[in-house]
Amino acid sequence: MPGRLGAILLAAGASSRMGTPKALLAWRGSTLLGFAIAQLRAAGVSELVVVLGLAHAEIETALPELAGTTVRLNLDEASGRSGSIRIGAAAVPDIVEKVVVQSVDQPTSAEVLGALLAMHADVVVPTSNGRRGHPVCFSGALLEELREITEYTQGLRAVVQRHTITEVEVGTDTVFWNLNDPRAYAEAQARQ
């Protein structure tokens, strides 16, 4: 029987460049956060941790899709992405075989997620035309390292660099999307 699959979905950022919580932006008939949850579930993720920030009350009220996920809060914006990953990793059960670390502003299809989760490796990254994208999938054996990352030690990048990386060609440039401002969001929306 295959092991359980986990994910840390990062949605705690201040969204200062966007001007509104990115998690609540419309995306493919849902919101960015609702879409991400649905795609992770469709890819077989059962242990889903969503890390929210200062806008958590607004997001939790607006998103019934959060039911069945584990919600954790990072209210210290200064701790950055690494702080959110530590908080999320602490809530992922040790029994997971693999864990995806995904940002809410990097929408990813269930097909891409499934391709990453199908690989048996320490670190798996999607590629398109020879370029590495996101999200990153880690072996569950690396959870302890994820629980200890800091911005000072180069965060997730340092964990990735310490281990063998397996690349999976996914044939879509959506793995490079980073919808962190209105222009990037509008461009991606026009292509969805």
N, C-alpha and C. Protein backbone atom coordinates (compact mmCIF):
# COMPACT_ATOMS: atom_id res chain seq x y z
N MET A 1 0.85 -1.19 0.00
CA MET A 1 0.00 0.00 0.00
C MET A 1 0.89 1.25 0.00
N PRO A 2 0.65 2.19 -0.91
CA PRO A 2 1.49 3.39 -0.96
C PRO A 2 1.33 4.23 0.29
N GLY A 3 2.39 4.98 0.61
CA GLY A 3 2.36 5.84 1.77
C GLY A 3 1.45 7.03 1.58
N ARG A 4 1.17 7.71 2.66
CA ARG A 4 0.32 8.89 2.58
C ARG A 4 1.10 10.06 2.02
N LEU A 5 0.40 10.93 1.33
CA LEU A 5 1.01 12.07 0.68
C LEU A 5 0.61 13.35 1.41
N GLY A 6 1.57 14.24 1.57
CA GLY A 6 1.33 15.48 2.29
C GLY A 6 1.63 16.70 1.44
N ALA A 7 1.17 17.84 1.91
CA ALA A 7 1.48 19.11 1.24
C ALA A 7 1.43 20.23 2.26
N ILE A 8 2.31 21.20 2.04
CA ILE A 8 2.30 22.45 2.81
C ILE A 8 1.96 23.54 1.81
N LEU A 9 0.79 24.12 1.98
CA LEU A 9 0.30 25.15 1.07
C LEU A 9 0.46 26.51 1.74
N LEU A 10 1.35 27.32 1.19
CA LEU A 10 1.73 28.59 1.80
C LEU A 10 0.83 29.73 1.32
N ALA A 11 0.08 30.31 2.27
CA ALA A 11 -0.82 31.42 1.93
C ALA A 11 -0.81 32.47 3.03
N ALA A 12 0.38 32.69 3.61
CA ALA A 12 0.49 33.61 4.75
C ALA A 12 1.08 34.96 4.38
N GLY A 13 1.46 35.13 3.14
CA GLY A 13 2.10 36.39 2.74
C GLY A 13 1.19 37.58 2.88
N ALA A 14 1.80 38.76 2.93
CA ALA A 14 1.04 40.00 3.12
C ALA A 14 0.31 40.44 1.85
N SER A 15 0.68 39.90 0.69
CA SER A 15 0.07 40.27 -0.59
C SER A 15 0.16 41.78 -0.83
N SER A 16 1.25 42.39 -0.37
CA SER A 16 1.36 43.85 -0.47
C SER A 16 1.41 44.34 -1.91
N ARG A 17 2.08 43.61 -2.81
CA ARG A 17 2.13 44.05 -4.21
C ARG A 17 0.79 43.85 -4.90
N MET A 18 0.04 42.84 -4.46
CA MET A 18 -1.26 42.56 -5.08
C MET A 18 -2.33 43.52 -4.55
N GLY A 19 -2.21 43.92 -3.29
CA GLY A 19 -3.17 44.85 -2.71
C GLY A 19 -4.40 44.20 -2.13
N THR A 20 -4.49 42.87 -2.22
CA THR A 20 -5.61 42.10 -1.67
C THR A 20 -5.10 40.69 -1.41
N PRO A 21 -5.69 39.93 -0.49
CA PRO A 21 -5.17 38.59 -0.22
C PRO A 21 -5.18 37.72 -1.50
N LYS A 22 -4.01 37.23 -1.89
CA LYS A 22 -3.92 36.43 -3.11
C LYS A 22 -4.76 35.17 -3.01
N ALA A 23 -4.86 34.62 -1.82
CA ALA A 23 -5.63 33.38 -1.63
C ALA A 23 -7.06 33.51 -2.13
N LEU A 24 -7.61 34.75 -2.09
CA LEU A 24 -9.01 34.96 -2.44
C LEU A 24 -9.22 35.41 -3.90
N LEU A 25 -8.16 35.55 -4.66
CA LEU A 25 -8.30 35.97 -6.06
C LEU A 25 -9.02 34.89 -6.86
N ALA A 26 -9.88 35.33 -7.77
CA ALA A 26 -10.62 34.39 -8.62
C ALA A 26 -9.66 33.59 -9.49
N TRP A 27 -9.94 32.27 -9.58
CA TRP A 27 -9.10 31.41 -10.41
C TRP A 27 -9.88 30.16 -10.82
N ARG A 28 -10.12 30.03 -12.10
CA ARG A 28 -10.77 28.84 -12.68
C ARG A 28 -12.03 28.41 -11.93
N GLY A 29 -12.93 29.34 -11.74
CA GLY A 29 -14.21 29.03 -11.11
C GLY A 29 -14.14 28.92 -9.60
N SER A 30 -13.01 29.24 -9.01
CA SER A 30 -12.84 29.17 -7.57
C SER A 30 -11.99 30.37 -7.15
N THR A 31 -11.12 30.15 -6.19
CA THR A 31 -10.11 31.14 -5.79
C THR A 31 -8.76 30.46 -5.94
N LEU A 32 -7.69 31.23 -5.86
CA LEU A 32 -6.37 30.61 -5.95
C LEU A 32 -6.19 29.53 -4.87
N LEU A 33 -6.64 29.82 -3.64
CA LEU A 33 -6.50 28.83 -2.58
C LEU A 33 -7.43 27.65 -2.78
N GLY A 34 -8.68 27.91 -3.16
CA GLY A 34 -9.61 26.82 -3.42
C GLY A 34 -9.13 25.92 -4.55
N PHE A 35 -8.60 26.52 -5.61
CA PHE A 35 -8.05 25.75 -6.74
C PHE A 35 -6.88 24.89 -6.27
N ALA A 36 -5.97 25.48 -5.51
CA ALA A 36 -4.79 24.73 -5.03
C ALA A 36 -5.20 23.54 -4.19
N ILE A 37 -6.16 23.74 -3.29
CA ILE A 37 -6.64 22.64 -2.44
C ILE A 37 -7.24 21.53 -3.30
N ALA A 38 -8.08 21.91 -4.26
CA ALA A 38 -8.73 20.92 -5.12
C ALA A 38 -7.71 20.13 -5.93
N GLN A 39 -6.70 20.81 -6.46
CA GLN A 39 -5.69 20.12 -7.28
C GLN A 39 -4.82 19.19 -6.43
N LEU A 40 -4.45 19.61 -5.24
CA LEU A 40 -3.68 18.74 -4.35
C LEU A 40 -4.48 17.51 -3.96
N ARG A 41 -5.75 17.70 -3.67
CA ARG A 41 -6.62 16.56 -3.34
C ARG A 41 -6.73 15.61 -4.54
N ALA A 42 -6.92 16.17 -5.74
CA ALA A 42 -7.04 15.35 -6.94
C ALA A 42 -5.76 14.56 -7.22
N ALA A 43 -4.62 15.08 -6.76
CA ALA A 43 -3.34 14.40 -6.95
C ALA A 43 -3.08 13.35 -5.87
N GLY A 44 -4.00 13.22 -4.93
CA GLY A 44 -3.88 12.17 -3.91
C GLY A 44 -3.36 12.61 -2.56
N VAL A 45 -3.23 13.93 -2.36
CA VAL A 45 -2.73 14.42 -1.07
C VAL A 45 -3.83 14.28 -0.02
N SER A 46 -3.51 13.59 1.07
CA SER A 46 -4.48 13.43 2.16
C SER A 46 -4.12 14.26 3.38
N GLU A 47 -2.84 14.57 3.54
CA GLU A 47 -2.38 15.34 4.70
C GLU A 47 -2.03 16.75 4.22
N LEU A 48 -3.02 17.62 4.20
CA LEU A 48 -2.86 18.95 3.61
C LEU A 48 -2.87 20.01 4.71
N VAL A 49 -1.73 20.71 4.83
CA VAL A 49 -1.59 21.78 5.81
C VAL A 49 -1.57 23.11 5.06
N VAL A 50 -2.47 24.01 5.44
CA VAL A 50 -2.55 25.34 4.84
C VAL A 50 -2.07 26.34 5.87
N VAL A 51 -1.06 27.13 5.50
CA VAL A 51 -0.53 28.13 6.42
C VAL A 51 -1.04 29.50 5.99
N LEU A 52 -1.82 30.12 6.89
CA LEU A 52 -2.40 31.43 6.63
C LEU A 52 -1.72 32.48 7.50
N GLY A 53 -1.87 33.75 7.11
CA GLY A 53 -1.25 34.84 7.84
C GLY A 53 -2.26 35.77 8.48
N LEU A 54 -1.95 37.06 8.45
CA LEU A 54 -2.77 38.05 9.14
C LEU A 54 -4.19 38.16 8.59
N ALA A 55 -4.39 37.78 7.32
CA ALA A 55 -5.73 37.84 6.72
C ALA A 55 -6.51 36.54 6.94
N HIS A 56 -6.08 35.73 7.90
CA HIS A 56 -6.67 34.40 8.08
C HIS A 56 -8.17 34.43 8.33
N ALA A 57 -8.67 35.37 9.11
CA ALA A 57 -10.10 35.38 9.42
C ALA A 57 -10.92 35.58 8.15
N GLU A 58 -10.52 36.53 7.32
CA GLU A 58 -11.22 36.79 6.06
C GLU A 58 -11.17 35.56 5.15
N ILE A 59 -10.02 34.93 5.06
CA ILE A 59 -9.85 33.77 4.19
C ILE A 59 -10.65 32.58 4.72
N GLU A 60 -10.57 32.32 6.01
CA GLU A 60 -11.29 31.18 6.59
C GLU A 60 -12.80 31.34 6.43
N THR A 61 -13.29 32.57 6.54
CA THR A 61 -14.73 32.82 6.37
C THR A 61 -15.16 32.58 4.93
N ALA A 62 -14.31 32.94 3.99
CA ALA A 62 -14.68 32.90 2.57
C ALA A 62 -14.46 31.54 1.91
N LEU A 63 -13.71 30.65 2.54
CA LEU A 63 -13.31 29.43 1.86
C LEU A 63 -13.77 28.15 2.56
N PRO A 64 -14.93 27.63 2.17
CA PRO A 64 -15.38 26.36 2.74
C PRO A 64 -14.44 25.21 2.37
N GLU A 65 -13.62 25.39 1.32
CA GLU A 65 -12.69 24.34 0.89
C GLU A 65 -11.66 24.01 1.96
N LEU A 66 -11.50 24.88 2.96
CA LEU A 66 -10.53 24.62 4.03
C LEU A 66 -10.97 23.47 4.93
N ALA A 67 -12.26 23.11 4.89
CA ALA A 67 -12.74 21.98 5.69
C ALA A 67 -11.96 20.74 5.30
N GLY A 68 -11.48 20.02 6.30
CA GLY A 68 -10.73 18.80 6.03
C GLY A 68 -9.24 19.04 5.85
N THR A 69 -8.81 20.30 5.88
CA THR A 69 -7.38 20.59 5.86
C THR A 69 -6.96 20.94 7.28
N THR A 70 -5.67 20.97 7.51
CA THR A 70 -5.13 21.44 8.78
C THR A 70 -4.66 22.87 8.55
N VAL A 71 -5.26 23.82 9.27
CA VAL A 71 -4.89 25.23 9.11
C VAL A 71 -3.96 25.62 10.25
N ARG A 72 -2.85 26.22 9.88
CA ARG A 72 -1.92 26.78 10.87
C ARG A 72 -1.70 28.24 10.52
N LEU A 73 -1.35 29.03 11.53
CA LEU A 73 -1.17 30.47 11.32
C LEU A 73 0.28 30.89 11.50
N ASN A 74 0.73 31.75 10.61
CA ASN A 74 2.01 32.45 10.76
C ASN A 74 1.68 33.93 10.82
N LEU A 75 1.60 34.45 12.02
CA LEU A 75 1.23 35.85 12.21
C LEU A 75 2.45 36.75 12.30
N ASP A 76 3.63 36.18 12.15
CA ASP A 76 4.88 36.93 12.20
C ASP A 76 5.41 37.08 10.77
N GLU A 77 4.98 38.14 10.09
CA GLU A 77 5.38 38.33 8.69
C GLU A 77 6.89 38.43 8.53
N ALA A 78 7.58 38.87 9.56
CA ALA A 78 9.04 39.00 9.48
C ALA A 78 9.73 37.64 9.37
N SER A 79 9.04 36.57 9.76
CA SER A 79 9.66 35.24 9.68
C SER A 79 9.71 34.72 8.25
N GLY A 80 8.99 35.40 7.36
CA GLY A 80 9.06 35.08 5.93
C GLY A 80 8.54 33.70 5.56
N ARG A 81 8.88 33.32 4.34
CA ARG A 81 8.44 32.04 3.80
C ARG A 81 8.98 30.88 4.63
N SER A 82 10.22 31.01 5.10
CA SER A 82 10.81 29.94 5.91
C SER A 82 10.01 29.70 7.19
N GLY A 83 9.55 30.78 7.81
CA GLY A 83 8.73 30.63 9.01
C GLY A 83 7.46 29.86 8.73
N SER A 84 6.83 30.16 7.59
CA SER A 84 5.60 29.45 7.22
C SER A 84 5.88 27.98 6.92
N ILE A 85 7.00 27.71 6.26
CA ILE A 85 7.34 26.32 5.97
C ILE A 85 7.59 25.56 7.27
N ARG A 86 8.30 26.16 8.20
CA ARG A 86 8.53 25.50 9.51
C ARG A 86 7.22 25.19 10.21
N ILE A 87 6.32 26.16 10.23
CA ILE A 87 5.02 25.98 10.88
C ILE A 87 4.24 24.86 10.18
N GLY A 88 4.23 24.89 8.85
CA GLY A 88 3.51 23.86 8.10
C GLY A 88 4.12 22.49 8.28
N ALA A 89 5.44 22.40 8.21
CA ALA A 89 6.12 21.11 8.34
C ALA A 89 5.89 20.50 9.72
N ALA A 90 5.80 21.35 10.74
CA ALA A 90 5.55 20.85 12.10
C ALA A 90 4.18 20.18 12.20
N ALA A 91 3.25 20.58 11.34
CA ALA A 91 1.88 20.03 11.39
C ALA A 91 1.69 18.83 10.46
N VAL A 92 2.66 18.56 9.60
CA VAL A 92 2.55 17.40 8.71
C VAL A 92 2.93 16.16 9.50
N PRO A 93 2.09 15.11 9.47
CA PRO A 93 2.41 13.90 10.24
C PRO A 93 3.69 13.22 9.73
N ASP A 94 4.45 12.66 10.64
CA ASP A 94 5.70 11.99 10.29
C ASP A 94 5.49 10.81 9.34
N ILE A 95 4.28 10.30 9.25
CA ILE A 95 4.01 9.10 8.44
C ILE A 95 3.96 9.37 6.94
N VAL A 96 4.01 10.64 6.51
CA VAL A 96 3.89 10.89 5.07
C VAL A 96 5.12 10.37 4.34
N GLU A 97 4.86 9.86 3.15
CA GLU A 97 5.94 9.37 2.30
C GLU A 97 6.58 10.50 1.52
N LYS A 98 5.75 11.48 1.13
CA LYS A 98 6.22 12.63 0.34
C LYS A 98 5.44 13.86 0.77
N VAL A 99 6.06 15.03 0.56
CA VAL A 99 5.37 16.28 0.89
C VAL A 99 5.72 17.34 -0.16
N VAL A 100 4.68 17.97 -0.70
CA VAL A 100 4.85 19.06 -1.66
C VAL A 100 4.83 20.37 -0.89
N VAL A 101 5.74 21.28 -1.24
CA VAL A 101 5.72 22.63 -0.68
C VAL A 101 5.33 23.56 -1.82
N GLN A 102 4.16 24.18 -1.68
CA GLN A 102 3.59 24.98 -2.77
C GLN A 102 3.11 26.33 -2.24
N SER A 103 3.34 27.38 -3.01
CA SER A 103 2.83 28.70 -2.68
C SER A 103 1.48 28.92 -3.37
N VAL A 104 0.58 29.61 -2.70
CA VAL A 104 -0.77 29.81 -3.23
C VAL A 104 -0.75 30.61 -4.53
N ASP A 105 0.28 31.45 -4.73
CA ASP A 105 0.33 32.27 -5.94
C ASP A 105 1.05 31.58 -7.10
N GLN A 106 1.23 30.26 -6.97
CA GLN A 106 1.85 29.47 -8.02
C GLN A 106 0.92 28.30 -8.37
N PRO A 107 -0.21 28.61 -9.04
CA PRO A 107 -1.22 27.58 -9.31
C PRO A 107 -0.63 26.43 -10.13
N THR A 108 -0.90 25.22 -9.68
CA THR A 108 -0.34 24.02 -10.28
C THR A 108 -1.43 22.99 -10.49
N SER A 109 -1.44 22.36 -11.65
CA SER A 109 -2.47 21.38 -11.97
C SER A 109 -2.24 20.06 -11.25
N ALA A 110 -3.30 19.30 -11.10
CA ALA A 110 -3.20 17.97 -10.50
C ALA A 110 -2.28 17.07 -11.31
N GLU A 111 -2.21 17.29 -12.62
CA GLU A 111 -1.34 16.47 -13.47
C GLU A 111 0.13 16.70 -13.13
N VAL A 112 0.52 17.96 -12.98
CA VAL A 112 1.90 18.26 -12.61
C VAL A 112 2.20 17.74 -11.21
N LEU A 113 1.29 17.97 -10.27
CA LEU A 113 1.48 17.49 -8.91
C LEU A 113 1.61 15.97 -8.88
N GLY A 114 0.76 15.30 -9.64
CA GLY A 114 0.81 13.84 -9.70
C GLY A 114 2.13 13.33 -10.25
N ALA A 115 2.68 14.02 -11.25
CA ALA A 115 3.97 13.63 -11.82
C ALA A 115 5.08 13.75 -10.77
N LEU A 116 5.03 14.79 -9.96
CA LEU A 116 6.04 14.97 -8.91
C LEU A 116 5.89 13.90 -7.83
N LEU A 117 4.65 13.68 -7.41
CA LEU A 117 4.38 12.73 -6.33
C LEU A 117 4.62 11.28 -6.73
N ALA A 118 4.65 11.00 -8.02
CA ALA A 118 4.88 9.63 -8.50
C ALA A 118 6.35 9.21 -8.40
N MET A 119 7.24 10.18 -8.27
CA MET A 119 8.67 9.89 -8.24
C MET A 119 9.12 9.49 -6.84
N HIS A 120 10.06 8.57 -6.79
CA HIS A 120 10.65 8.16 -5.50
C HIS A 120 12.05 8.75 -5.43
N ALA A 121 12.18 9.88 -4.78
CA ALA A 121 13.45 10.60 -4.72
C ALA A 121 13.42 11.55 -3.53
N ASP A 122 14.61 12.04 -3.15
CA ASP A 122 14.69 12.99 -2.03
C ASP A 122 13.99 14.30 -2.38
N VAL A 123 14.32 14.84 -3.56
CA VAL A 123 13.77 16.12 -4.00
C VAL A 123 13.37 15.99 -5.46
N VAL A 124 12.15 16.40 -5.77
CA VAL A 124 11.65 16.33 -7.15
C VAL A 124 11.17 17.72 -7.56
N VAL A 125 11.65 18.18 -8.72
CA VAL A 125 11.22 19.48 -9.24
C VAL A 125 10.70 19.31 -10.66
N PRO A 126 9.68 20.09 -11.02
CA PRO A 126 9.20 20.06 -12.40
C PRO A 126 10.11 20.90 -13.29
N THR A 127 10.26 20.48 -14.53
CA THR A 127 11.02 21.28 -15.49
C THR A 127 10.20 21.43 -16.76
N SER A 128 10.51 22.48 -17.49
CA SER A 128 9.93 22.70 -18.81
C SER A 128 11.01 23.34 -19.67
N ASN A 129 11.29 22.74 -20.80
CA ASN A 129 12.34 23.24 -21.70
C ASN A 129 13.67 23.46 -20.97
N GLY A 130 14.01 22.51 -20.10
CA GLY A 130 15.30 22.56 -19.43
C GLY A 130 15.41 23.50 -18.24
N ARG A 131 14.32 24.17 -17.91
CA ARG A 131 14.31 25.11 -16.79
C ARG A 131 13.53 24.53 -15.62
N ARG A 132 14.07 24.68 -14.41
CA ARG A 132 13.38 24.19 -13.22
C ARG A 132 12.29 25.16 -12.79
N GLY A 133 11.17 24.59 -12.34
CA GLY A 133 10.06 25.41 -11.86
C GLY A 133 9.63 25.01 -10.46
N HIS A 134 8.37 25.17 -10.17
CA HIS A 134 7.81 24.86 -8.85
C HIS A 134 6.45 24.21 -9.04
N PRO A 135 5.94 23.57 -8.01
CA PRO A 135 6.44 23.44 -6.64
C PRO A 135 7.52 22.36 -6.53
N VAL A 136 8.02 22.18 -5.31
CA VAL A 136 9.03 21.16 -5.05
C VAL A 136 8.39 20.08 -4.18
N CYS A 137 8.75 18.83 -4.49
CA CYS A 137 8.25 17.69 -3.72
C CYS A 137 9.44 17.07 -2.97
N PHE A 138 9.25 16.80 -1.69
CA PHE A 138 10.31 16.24 -0.85
C PHE A 138 9.92 14.87 -0.33
N SER A 139 10.91 14.04 -0.11
CA SER A 139 10.69 12.78 0.59
C SER A 139 10.25 13.11 2.01
N GLY A 140 9.35 12.30 2.55
CA GLY A 140 8.93 12.49 3.94
C GLY A 140 10.09 12.40 4.91
N ALA A 141 11.16 11.73 4.51
CA ALA A 141 12.34 11.61 5.36
C ALA A 141 13.01 12.97 5.60
N LEU A 142 12.66 13.96 4.79
CA LEU A 142 13.27 15.29 4.94
C LEU A 142 12.41 16.26 5.77
N LEU A 143 11.32 15.77 6.33
CA LEU A 143 10.45 16.64 7.13
C LEU A 143 11.20 17.36 8.25
N GLU A 144 12.09 16.64 8.93
CA GLU A 144 12.84 17.27 10.03
C GLU A 144 13.65 18.46 9.53
N GLU A 145 14.24 18.34 8.34
CA GLU A 145 15.00 19.46 7.79
C GLU A 145 14.07 20.63 7.47
N LEU A 146 12.89 20.33 6.95
CA LEU A 146 11.93 21.39 6.64
C LEU A 146 11.47 22.10 7.91
N ARG A 147 11.44 21.38 9.00
CA ARG A 147 11.00 21.96 10.28
C ARG A 147 12.03 22.89 10.89
N GLU A 148 13.24 22.90 10.33
CA GLU A 148 14.32 23.68 10.92
C GLU A 148 14.86 24.78 10.02
N ILE A 149 14.29 24.99 8.85
CA ILE A 149 14.86 25.98 7.93
C ILE A 149 14.65 27.40 8.44
N THR A 150 15.56 28.27 8.03
CA THR A 150 15.44 29.69 8.37
C THR A 150 15.85 30.51 7.15
N GLU A 151 15.45 31.75 7.12
CA GLU A 151 15.89 32.64 6.05
C GLU A 151 17.41 32.82 6.12
N TYR A 152 17.94 32.82 7.34
CA TYR A 152 19.37 33.01 7.54
C TYR A 152 20.18 31.91 6.87
N THR A 153 19.64 30.68 6.87
CA THR A 153 20.36 29.54 6.27
C THR A 153 19.88 29.26 4.85
N GLN A 154 19.31 30.24 4.19
CA GLN A 154 18.84 30.18 2.80
C GLN A 154 17.60 29.31 2.61
N GLY A 155 16.87 29.08 3.67
CA GLY A 155 15.56 28.46 3.59
C GLY A 155 15.48 27.17 2.82
N LEU A 156 14.44 27.06 2.02
CA LEU A 156 14.17 25.85 1.25
C LEU A 156 15.29 25.55 0.27
N ARG A 157 15.89 26.58 -0.27
CA ARG A 157 16.98 26.41 -1.24
C ARG A 157 18.10 25.55 -0.67
N ALA A 158 18.43 25.76 0.61
CA ALA A 158 19.51 25.00 1.24
C ALA A 158 19.15 23.52 1.34
N VAL A 159 17.90 23.21 1.66
CA VAL A 159 17.48 21.81 1.73
C VAL A 159 17.58 21.17 0.35
N VAL A 160 17.11 21.87 -0.66
CA VAL A 160 17.16 21.35 -2.03
C VAL A 160 18.62 21.09 -2.43
N GLN A 161 19.51 22.00 -2.11
CA GLN A 161 20.90 21.87 -2.53
C GLN A 161 21.65 20.76 -1.81
N ARG A 162 21.18 20.36 -0.64
CA ARG A 162 21.86 19.29 0.12
C ARG A 162 21.53 17.89 -0.39
N HIS A 163 20.56 17.78 -1.28
CA HIS A 163 20.09 16.45 -1.67
C HIS A 163 20.09 16.29 -3.19
N THR A 164 20.01 15.03 -3.60
CA THR A 164 19.94 14.71 -5.03
C THR A 164 18.59 15.19 -5.56
N ILE A 165 18.65 15.90 -6.67
CA ILE A 165 17.43 16.45 -7.27
C ILE A 165 17.04 15.61 -8.47
N THR A 166 15.79 15.20 -8.51
CA THR A 166 15.24 14.51 -9.67
C THR A 166 14.34 15.49 -10.41
N GLU A 167 14.59 15.65 -11.68
CA GLU A 167 13.79 16.56 -12.50
C GLU A 167 12.74 15.78 -13.28
N VAL A 168 11.55 16.35 -13.37
CA VAL A 168 10.46 15.75 -14.14
C VAL A 168 10.02 16.75 -15.19
N GLU A 169 10.18 16.40 -16.44
CA GLU A 169 9.74 17.27 -17.54
C GLU A 169 8.22 17.22 -17.60
N VAL A 170 7.58 18.38 -17.47
CA VAL A 170 6.12 18.43 -17.44
C VAL A 170 5.51 19.11 -18.66
N GLY A 171 6.34 19.75 -19.46
CA GLY A 171 5.86 20.30 -20.73
C GLY A 171 4.92 21.48 -20.63
N THR A 172 4.96 22.21 -19.53
CA THR A 172 4.11 23.40 -19.42
C THR A 172 4.88 24.49 -18.68
N ASP A 173 4.78 25.71 -19.19
CA ASP A 173 5.48 26.81 -18.51
C ASP A 173 4.70 27.37 -17.33
N THR A 174 3.56 26.76 -17.00
CA THR A 174 2.82 27.20 -15.81
C THR A 174 3.64 26.95 -14.54
N VAL A 175 4.65 26.08 -14.62
CA VAL A 175 5.48 25.82 -13.44
C VAL A 175 6.41 27.01 -13.12
N PHE A 176 6.39 28.02 -13.98
CA PHE A 176 7.17 29.23 -13.72
C PHE A 176 6.29 30.38 -13.23
N TRP A 177 4.97 30.20 -13.25
CA TRP A 177 4.07 31.28 -12.84
C TRP A 177 4.31 31.66 -11.40
N ASN A 178 4.27 32.96 -11.15
CA ASN A 178 4.36 33.50 -9.80
C ASN A 178 3.46 34.74 -9.79
N LEU A 179 2.23 34.57 -9.36
CA LEU A 179 1.22 35.63 -9.48
C LEU A 179 1.30 36.57 -8.28
N ASN A 180 2.40 37.32 -8.21
CA ASN A 180 2.59 38.15 -7.03
C ASN A 180 2.27 39.62 -7.23
N ASP A 181 1.78 39.99 -8.41
CA ASP A 181 1.35 41.37 -8.61
C ASP A 181 0.21 41.37 -9.64
N PRO A 182 -0.53 42.47 -9.74
CA PRO A 182 -1.70 42.49 -10.63
C PRO A 182 -1.37 42.16 -12.08
N ARG A 183 -0.22 42.59 -12.57
CA ARG A 183 0.14 42.32 -13.96
C ARG A 183 0.35 40.82 -14.21
N ALA A 184 1.12 40.17 -13.34
CA ALA A 184 1.36 38.73 -13.48
C ALA A 184 0.05 37.95 -13.37
N TYR A 185 -0.81 38.36 -12.47
CA TYR A 185 -2.11 37.71 -12.30
C TYR A 185 -2.96 37.87 -13.56
N ALA A 186 -3.02 39.08 -14.11
CA ALA A 186 -3.81 39.34 -15.31
C ALA A 186 -3.28 38.54 -16.51
N GLU A 187 -1.97 38.46 -16.64
CA GLU A 187 -1.38 37.70 -17.75
C GLU A 187 -1.70 36.23 -17.64
N ALA A 188 -1.61 35.68 -16.43
CA ALA A 188 -1.91 34.26 -16.23
C ALA A 188 -3.39 33.99 -16.43
N GLN A 189 -4.24 34.90 -15.95
CA GLN A 189 -5.68 34.72 -16.15
C GLN A 189 -6.04 34.67 -17.62
N ALA A 190 -5.38 35.49 -18.41
CA ALA A 190 -5.66 35.53 -19.84
C ALA A 190 -5.29 34.22 -20.53
N ARG A 191 -4.40 33.43 -19.91
CA ARG A 191 -3.94 32.19 -20.51
C ARG A 191 -4.60 30.95 -19.94
N GLN A 192 -5.40 31.09 -18.89
CA GLN A 192 -5.95 29.87 -18.26
C GLN A 192 -7.02 29.17 -19.06
